[in-house]
N, C-alpha and C. Protein backbone atom coordinates (compact mmCIF):
# COMPACT_ATOMS: atom_id res chain seq x y z
N MET A 1 -6.10 -7.40 -15.56
CA MET A 1 -5.56 -6.94 -14.29
C MET A 1 -6.00 -5.49 -14.09
N GLU A 2 -6.47 -5.21 -12.91
CA GLU A 2 -6.89 -3.85 -12.55
C GLU A 2 -5.68 -2.94 -12.41
N THR A 3 -5.91 -1.65 -12.57
CA THR A 3 -4.87 -0.64 -12.44
C THR A 3 -5.31 0.38 -11.40
N PHE A 4 -4.37 0.82 -10.56
CA PHE A 4 -4.67 1.83 -9.55
C PHE A 4 -5.13 3.10 -10.25
N PRO A 5 -6.24 3.69 -9.80
CA PRO A 5 -6.81 4.86 -10.49
C PRO A 5 -5.89 6.08 -10.46
N SER A 6 -5.83 6.78 -11.58
CA SER A 6 -4.96 7.96 -11.69
C SER A 6 -5.48 9.13 -10.86
N TYR A 7 -6.78 9.17 -10.56
CA TYR A 7 -7.34 10.27 -9.78
C TYR A 7 -7.04 10.14 -8.28
N ALA A 8 -6.50 9.02 -7.86
CA ALA A 8 -6.07 8.82 -6.47
C ALA A 8 -4.57 9.11 -6.41
N GLU A 9 -4.22 10.31 -5.96
CA GLU A 9 -2.83 10.77 -5.98
C GLU A 9 -2.12 10.44 -4.67
N ILE A 10 -0.97 9.81 -4.76
CA ILE A 10 -0.19 9.47 -3.57
C ILE A 10 0.55 10.71 -3.08
N ARG A 11 0.37 11.02 -1.81
CA ARG A 11 1.02 12.18 -1.18
C ARG A 11 2.35 11.72 -0.58
N PHE A 12 3.41 12.41 -0.88
CA PHE A 12 4.71 12.01 -0.39
C PHE A 12 4.99 12.49 1.03
N ALA A 13 4.19 13.41 1.54
CA ALA A 13 4.37 13.88 2.91
C ALA A 13 4.12 12.76 3.92
N ASP A 14 3.24 11.83 3.60
CA ASP A 14 2.87 10.75 4.52
C ASP A 14 3.37 9.40 4.04
N TYR A 15 4.43 9.37 3.26
CA TYR A 15 4.90 8.16 2.59
C TYR A 15 5.95 7.43 3.42
N GLY A 16 5.94 6.10 3.38
CA GLY A 16 6.97 5.30 4.02
C GLY A 16 6.99 3.90 3.46
N GLU A 17 8.16 3.25 3.50
CA GLU A 17 8.31 1.87 3.03
C GLU A 17 8.94 1.03 4.13
N GLU A 18 8.57 -0.25 4.15
CA GLU A 18 9.13 -1.19 5.12
C GLU A 18 8.98 -2.59 4.56
N PHE A 19 9.82 -3.51 5.01
CA PHE A 19 9.67 -4.89 4.59
C PHE A 19 10.05 -5.83 5.72
N ASP A 20 9.51 -7.03 5.66
CA ASP A 20 9.87 -8.09 6.57
C ASP A 20 11.08 -8.79 5.97
N PRO A 21 12.24 -8.81 6.63
CA PRO A 21 13.43 -9.36 6.02
C PRO A 21 13.40 -10.88 5.82
N ALA A 22 12.44 -11.59 6.42
CA ALA A 22 12.32 -13.05 6.30
C ALA A 22 13.63 -13.74 6.69
N VAL A 23 14.10 -13.40 7.88
CA VAL A 23 15.33 -13.96 8.41
C VAL A 23 15.02 -14.67 9.73
N GLU A 24 15.55 -15.89 9.87
CA GLU A 24 15.41 -16.62 11.13
C GLU A 24 16.70 -16.41 11.92
N ARG A 25 16.56 -16.03 13.18
CA ARG A 25 17.72 -15.74 14.03
C ARG A 25 17.72 -16.71 15.20
N THR A 26 18.85 -17.37 15.40
CA THR A 26 18.99 -18.34 16.49
C THR A 26 20.07 -17.86 17.44
N GLU A 27 19.69 -17.62 18.68
CA GLU A 27 20.66 -17.21 19.69
C GLU A 27 21.54 -18.41 20.05
N MET A 28 22.82 -18.18 20.18
CA MET A 28 23.77 -19.23 20.51
C MET A 28 24.17 -19.10 21.97
N GLU A 29 24.61 -20.22 22.54
CA GLU A 29 25.05 -20.19 23.93
C GLU A 29 26.24 -19.26 24.09
N ARG A 30 27.12 -19.29 23.10
CA ARG A 30 28.27 -18.39 23.06
C ARG A 30 28.39 -17.80 21.68
N GLY A 31 28.89 -16.62 21.62
CA GLY A 31 29.19 -16.03 20.34
C GLY A 31 28.00 -15.33 19.68
N VAL A 32 28.21 -15.07 18.43
CA VAL A 32 27.26 -14.31 17.63
C VAL A 32 26.06 -15.19 17.25
N PRO A 33 24.83 -14.64 17.31
CA PRO A 33 23.67 -15.42 16.88
C PRO A 33 23.78 -15.80 15.40
N ARG A 34 23.23 -16.96 15.07
CA ARG A 34 23.20 -17.40 13.67
C ARG A 34 21.95 -16.86 13.00
N GLN A 35 22.07 -16.59 11.72
CA GLN A 35 20.94 -16.11 10.95
C GLN A 35 20.89 -16.87 9.63
N ARG A 36 19.66 -17.10 9.15
CA ARG A 36 19.50 -17.72 7.83
C ARG A 36 18.26 -17.14 7.16
N LEU A 37 18.30 -17.10 5.84
CA LEU A 37 17.18 -16.59 5.06
C LEU A 37 16.06 -17.62 5.04
N LEU A 38 14.82 -17.14 5.21
CA LEU A 38 13.66 -18.02 5.15
C LEU A 38 13.05 -18.07 3.76
N ASN A 39 13.08 -16.95 3.04
CA ASN A 39 12.46 -16.85 1.72
C ASN A 39 13.37 -16.09 0.77
N THR A 40 13.20 -16.35 -0.52
CA THR A 40 13.99 -15.60 -1.51
C THR A 40 13.38 -14.23 -1.76
N HIS A 41 12.07 -14.09 -1.58
CA HIS A 41 11.39 -12.81 -1.76
C HIS A 41 10.83 -12.35 -0.42
N VAL A 42 10.66 -11.05 -0.28
CA VAL A 42 10.11 -10.51 0.96
C VAL A 42 8.84 -9.72 0.66
N LEU A 43 7.99 -9.62 1.67
CA LEU A 43 6.77 -8.84 1.56
C LEU A 43 7.09 -7.39 1.91
N GLN A 44 6.97 -6.52 0.92
CA GLN A 44 7.26 -5.10 1.08
C GLN A 44 5.95 -4.36 1.33
N THR A 45 5.96 -3.37 2.21
CA THR A 45 4.77 -2.55 2.43
C THR A 45 5.09 -1.09 2.12
N ILE A 46 4.08 -0.42 1.63
CA ILE A 46 4.15 1.03 1.37
C ILE A 46 3.02 1.68 2.15
N GLU A 47 3.38 2.55 3.08
CA GLU A 47 2.38 3.33 3.81
C GLU A 47 2.28 4.67 3.11
N ALA A 48 1.05 5.03 2.74
CA ALA A 48 0.88 6.27 1.99
C ALA A 48 -0.49 6.87 2.26
N SER A 49 -0.59 8.15 2.01
CA SER A 49 -1.88 8.83 1.98
C SER A 49 -2.23 9.04 0.53
N VAL A 50 -3.48 8.79 0.22
CA VAL A 50 -3.98 8.99 -1.13
C VAL A 50 -4.94 10.16 -1.09
N GLN A 51 -4.73 11.13 -1.97
CA GLN A 51 -5.53 12.35 -2.00
C GLN A 51 -6.52 12.31 -3.16
N PHE A 52 -7.71 12.78 -2.89
CA PHE A 52 -8.76 12.89 -3.91
C PHE A 52 -9.11 14.36 -4.07
N ARG A 53 -9.29 14.80 -5.30
CA ARG A 53 -9.55 16.21 -5.58
C ARG A 53 -11.01 16.54 -5.80
N SER A 54 -11.90 15.58 -5.58
CA SER A 54 -13.33 15.85 -5.70
C SER A 54 -14.12 14.77 -4.98
N ALA A 55 -15.36 15.09 -4.65
CA ALA A 55 -16.24 14.10 -4.03
C ALA A 55 -16.50 12.95 -5.01
N GLN A 56 -16.53 13.25 -6.30
CA GLN A 56 -16.74 12.22 -7.31
C GLN A 56 -15.56 11.24 -7.34
N ALA A 57 -14.34 11.74 -7.17
CA ALA A 57 -13.16 10.87 -7.14
C ALA A 57 -13.23 9.92 -5.94
N VAL A 58 -13.73 10.41 -4.81
CA VAL A 58 -13.91 9.56 -3.63
C VAL A 58 -14.90 8.44 -3.94
N ALA A 59 -16.02 8.79 -4.54
CA ALA A 59 -17.04 7.81 -4.89
C ALA A 59 -16.53 6.81 -5.93
N ASP A 60 -15.79 7.30 -6.91
CA ASP A 60 -15.23 6.41 -7.94
C ASP A 60 -14.23 5.43 -7.34
N PHE A 61 -13.40 5.90 -6.41
CA PHE A 61 -12.41 5.02 -5.77
C PHE A 61 -13.12 3.92 -4.97
N GLU A 62 -14.15 4.29 -4.23
CA GLU A 62 -14.89 3.28 -3.46
C GLU A 62 -15.58 2.28 -4.38
N ALA A 63 -16.11 2.72 -5.50
CA ALA A 63 -16.73 1.81 -6.47
C ALA A 63 -15.68 0.86 -7.05
N TRP A 64 -14.50 1.38 -7.37
CA TRP A 64 -13.41 0.54 -7.88
C TRP A 64 -13.00 -0.50 -6.83
N TYR A 65 -12.89 -0.07 -5.58
CA TYR A 65 -12.50 -0.95 -4.47
C TYR A 65 -13.52 -2.07 -4.25
N PHE A 66 -14.80 -1.72 -4.20
CA PHE A 66 -15.83 -2.72 -3.92
C PHE A 66 -16.19 -3.56 -5.14
N ASP A 67 -16.35 -2.93 -6.30
CA ASP A 67 -16.87 -3.63 -7.47
C ASP A 67 -15.78 -4.33 -8.29
N SER A 68 -14.67 -3.66 -8.51
CA SER A 68 -13.61 -4.25 -9.35
C SER A 68 -12.66 -5.13 -8.56
N LEU A 69 -12.19 -4.62 -7.42
CA LEU A 69 -11.23 -5.38 -6.61
C LEU A 69 -11.89 -6.39 -5.68
N LYS A 70 -13.15 -6.18 -5.38
CA LYS A 70 -13.84 -7.01 -4.39
C LYS A 70 -13.09 -6.99 -3.06
N ARG A 71 -12.49 -5.85 -2.75
CA ARG A 71 -11.78 -5.51 -1.51
C ARG A 71 -10.41 -6.19 -1.37
N ILE A 72 -10.20 -7.37 -1.95
CA ILE A 72 -8.95 -8.09 -1.72
C ILE A 72 -8.14 -8.33 -2.99
N GLY A 73 -8.57 -7.79 -4.12
CA GLY A 73 -7.91 -8.08 -5.38
C GLY A 73 -6.56 -7.40 -5.54
N TRP A 74 -5.79 -7.93 -6.47
CA TRP A 74 -4.49 -7.36 -6.83
C TRP A 74 -4.68 -6.34 -7.95
N PHE A 75 -3.77 -5.39 -8.02
CA PHE A 75 -3.82 -4.36 -9.06
C PHE A 75 -2.41 -3.91 -9.40
N ASN A 76 -2.25 -3.35 -10.57
CA ASN A 76 -0.97 -2.78 -10.99
C ASN A 76 -0.92 -1.31 -10.57
N ILE A 77 0.26 -0.90 -10.14
CA ILE A 77 0.47 0.49 -9.75
C ILE A 77 1.92 0.85 -10.04
N ASP A 78 2.16 2.07 -10.45
CA ASP A 78 3.53 2.55 -10.59
C ASP A 78 4.08 2.77 -9.19
N HIS A 79 5.21 2.12 -8.89
CA HIS A 79 5.81 2.28 -7.57
C HIS A 79 6.12 3.76 -7.37
N PRO A 80 5.66 4.35 -6.28
CA PRO A 80 5.84 5.80 -6.08
C PRO A 80 7.29 6.27 -6.07
N ARG A 81 8.21 5.43 -5.62
CA ARG A 81 9.62 5.82 -5.55
C ARG A 81 10.40 5.47 -6.81
N THR A 82 10.20 4.26 -7.34
CA THR A 82 11.01 3.79 -8.46
C THR A 82 10.36 4.00 -9.82
N GLY A 83 9.04 4.13 -9.85
CA GLY A 83 8.33 4.27 -11.11
C GLY A 83 8.07 2.95 -11.82
N GLN A 84 8.60 1.84 -11.31
CA GLN A 84 8.35 0.54 -11.91
C GLN A 84 6.94 0.07 -11.61
N ILE A 85 6.36 -0.68 -12.52
CA ILE A 85 5.03 -1.22 -12.29
C ILE A 85 5.14 -2.42 -11.37
N ILE A 86 4.36 -2.41 -10.28
CA ILE A 86 4.33 -3.53 -9.35
C ILE A 86 2.89 -4.04 -9.25
N ARG A 87 2.77 -5.27 -8.80
CA ARG A 87 1.46 -5.88 -8.56
C ARG A 87 1.24 -5.85 -7.05
N ALA A 88 0.26 -5.08 -6.61
CA ALA A 88 0.05 -4.85 -5.18
C ALA A 88 -1.40 -5.11 -4.79
N ARG A 89 -1.63 -5.07 -3.49
CA ARG A 89 -2.99 -5.14 -2.94
C ARG A 89 -3.00 -4.34 -1.66
N PHE A 90 -4.21 -4.10 -1.11
CA PHE A 90 -4.33 -3.38 0.15
C PHE A 90 -4.13 -4.37 1.29
N GLN A 91 -3.27 -4.01 2.23
CA GLN A 91 -2.97 -4.91 3.35
C GLN A 91 -4.24 -5.16 4.17
N GLY A 92 -4.60 -6.42 4.29
CA GLY A 92 -5.80 -6.78 5.04
C GLY A 92 -7.09 -6.33 4.39
N GLY A 93 -7.02 -5.88 3.14
CA GLY A 93 -8.20 -5.39 2.45
C GLY A 93 -8.69 -4.05 2.94
N LYS A 94 -7.88 -3.35 3.74
CA LYS A 94 -8.29 -2.07 4.33
C LYS A 94 -7.81 -0.90 3.49
N ILE A 95 -8.67 0.10 3.33
CA ILE A 95 -8.28 1.32 2.62
C ILE A 95 -8.23 2.54 3.53
N GLY A 96 -8.37 2.35 4.82
CA GLY A 96 -8.22 3.44 5.76
C GLY A 96 -9.42 4.36 5.85
N LYS A 97 -9.36 5.21 6.84
CA LYS A 97 -10.45 6.14 7.12
C LYS A 97 -10.43 7.29 6.13
N LEU A 98 -11.59 7.65 5.62
CA LEU A 98 -11.72 8.80 4.73
C LEU A 98 -11.73 10.07 5.58
N GLN A 99 -10.85 11.01 5.25
CA GLN A 99 -10.74 12.26 6.01
C GLN A 99 -10.90 13.44 5.06
N PRO A 100 -11.86 14.32 5.33
CA PRO A 100 -12.01 15.50 4.47
C PRO A 100 -10.87 16.49 4.75
N LEU A 101 -10.38 17.11 3.70
CA LEU A 101 -9.35 18.14 3.85
C LEU A 101 -9.93 19.54 3.71
N ASN A 102 -11.20 19.61 3.29
CA ASN A 102 -11.97 20.85 3.31
C ASN A 102 -13.46 20.48 3.27
N THR A 103 -14.31 21.47 3.20
CA THR A 103 -15.75 21.19 3.26
C THR A 103 -16.24 20.48 2.01
N LEU A 104 -17.31 19.74 2.17
CA LEU A 104 -18.00 19.02 1.09
C LEU A 104 -17.11 18.00 0.37
N PHE A 105 -16.02 17.59 1.02
CA PHE A 105 -15.12 16.56 0.48
C PHE A 105 -14.56 16.94 -0.90
N ARG A 106 -14.39 18.25 -1.14
CA ARG A 106 -13.76 18.65 -2.41
C ARG A 106 -12.32 18.19 -2.45
N PHE A 107 -11.68 18.12 -1.31
CA PHE A 107 -10.39 17.47 -1.15
C PHE A 107 -10.54 16.51 0.02
N ALA A 108 -10.04 15.29 -0.15
CA ALA A 108 -10.12 14.30 0.91
C ALA A 108 -8.92 13.37 0.79
N LYS A 109 -8.67 12.59 1.84
CA LYS A 109 -7.56 11.64 1.78
C LYS A 109 -7.90 10.38 2.55
N ARG A 110 -7.18 9.33 2.23
CA ARG A 110 -7.22 8.07 2.96
C ARG A 110 -5.78 7.66 3.23
N ASP A 111 -5.51 7.19 4.45
CA ASP A 111 -4.21 6.62 4.78
C ASP A 111 -4.34 5.11 4.60
N LEU A 112 -3.49 4.54 3.76
CA LEU A 112 -3.60 3.11 3.48
C LEU A 112 -2.23 2.46 3.39
N VAL A 113 -2.23 1.14 3.37
CA VAL A 113 -1.00 0.37 3.27
C VAL A 113 -1.13 -0.58 2.08
N LEU A 114 -0.19 -0.49 1.17
CA LEU A 114 -0.09 -1.40 0.04
C LEU A 114 0.94 -2.46 0.37
N GLU A 115 0.77 -3.66 -0.15
CA GLU A 115 1.76 -4.70 0.02
C GLU A 115 2.01 -5.41 -1.30
N TYR A 116 3.26 -5.82 -1.49
CA TYR A 116 3.65 -6.53 -2.70
C TYR A 116 4.88 -7.37 -2.40
N MET A 117 5.13 -8.36 -3.26
CA MET A 117 6.32 -9.19 -3.10
C MET A 117 7.48 -8.54 -3.83
N ARG A 118 8.59 -8.45 -3.13
CA ARG A 118 9.79 -7.85 -3.72
C ARG A 118 10.80 -8.94 -4.03
């Protein structure tokens, strides 16, 4: 199993979590709508920016993404909030746009979305 690279640092300034509750809601003619659970587990997403501290780290991350993950593979990562190891992947296989934070990509970031089953 692949592991998320340590040189790709998650920035907490751009961090967020969300999940699909997997609930079916039925409106009633009278009274309160009924709700029922669709699944025992839900798909959780983590929106985060990942920072790179060198142009080499950017290149290494792209090589890991294309060669090891084949864009859609699963990997282990320490959950940024809980510290527990989760098995995640990039939502839709996307790693976001690379944005330089200074000249020559000595610092750069990507905004991406991770997804995992909770």
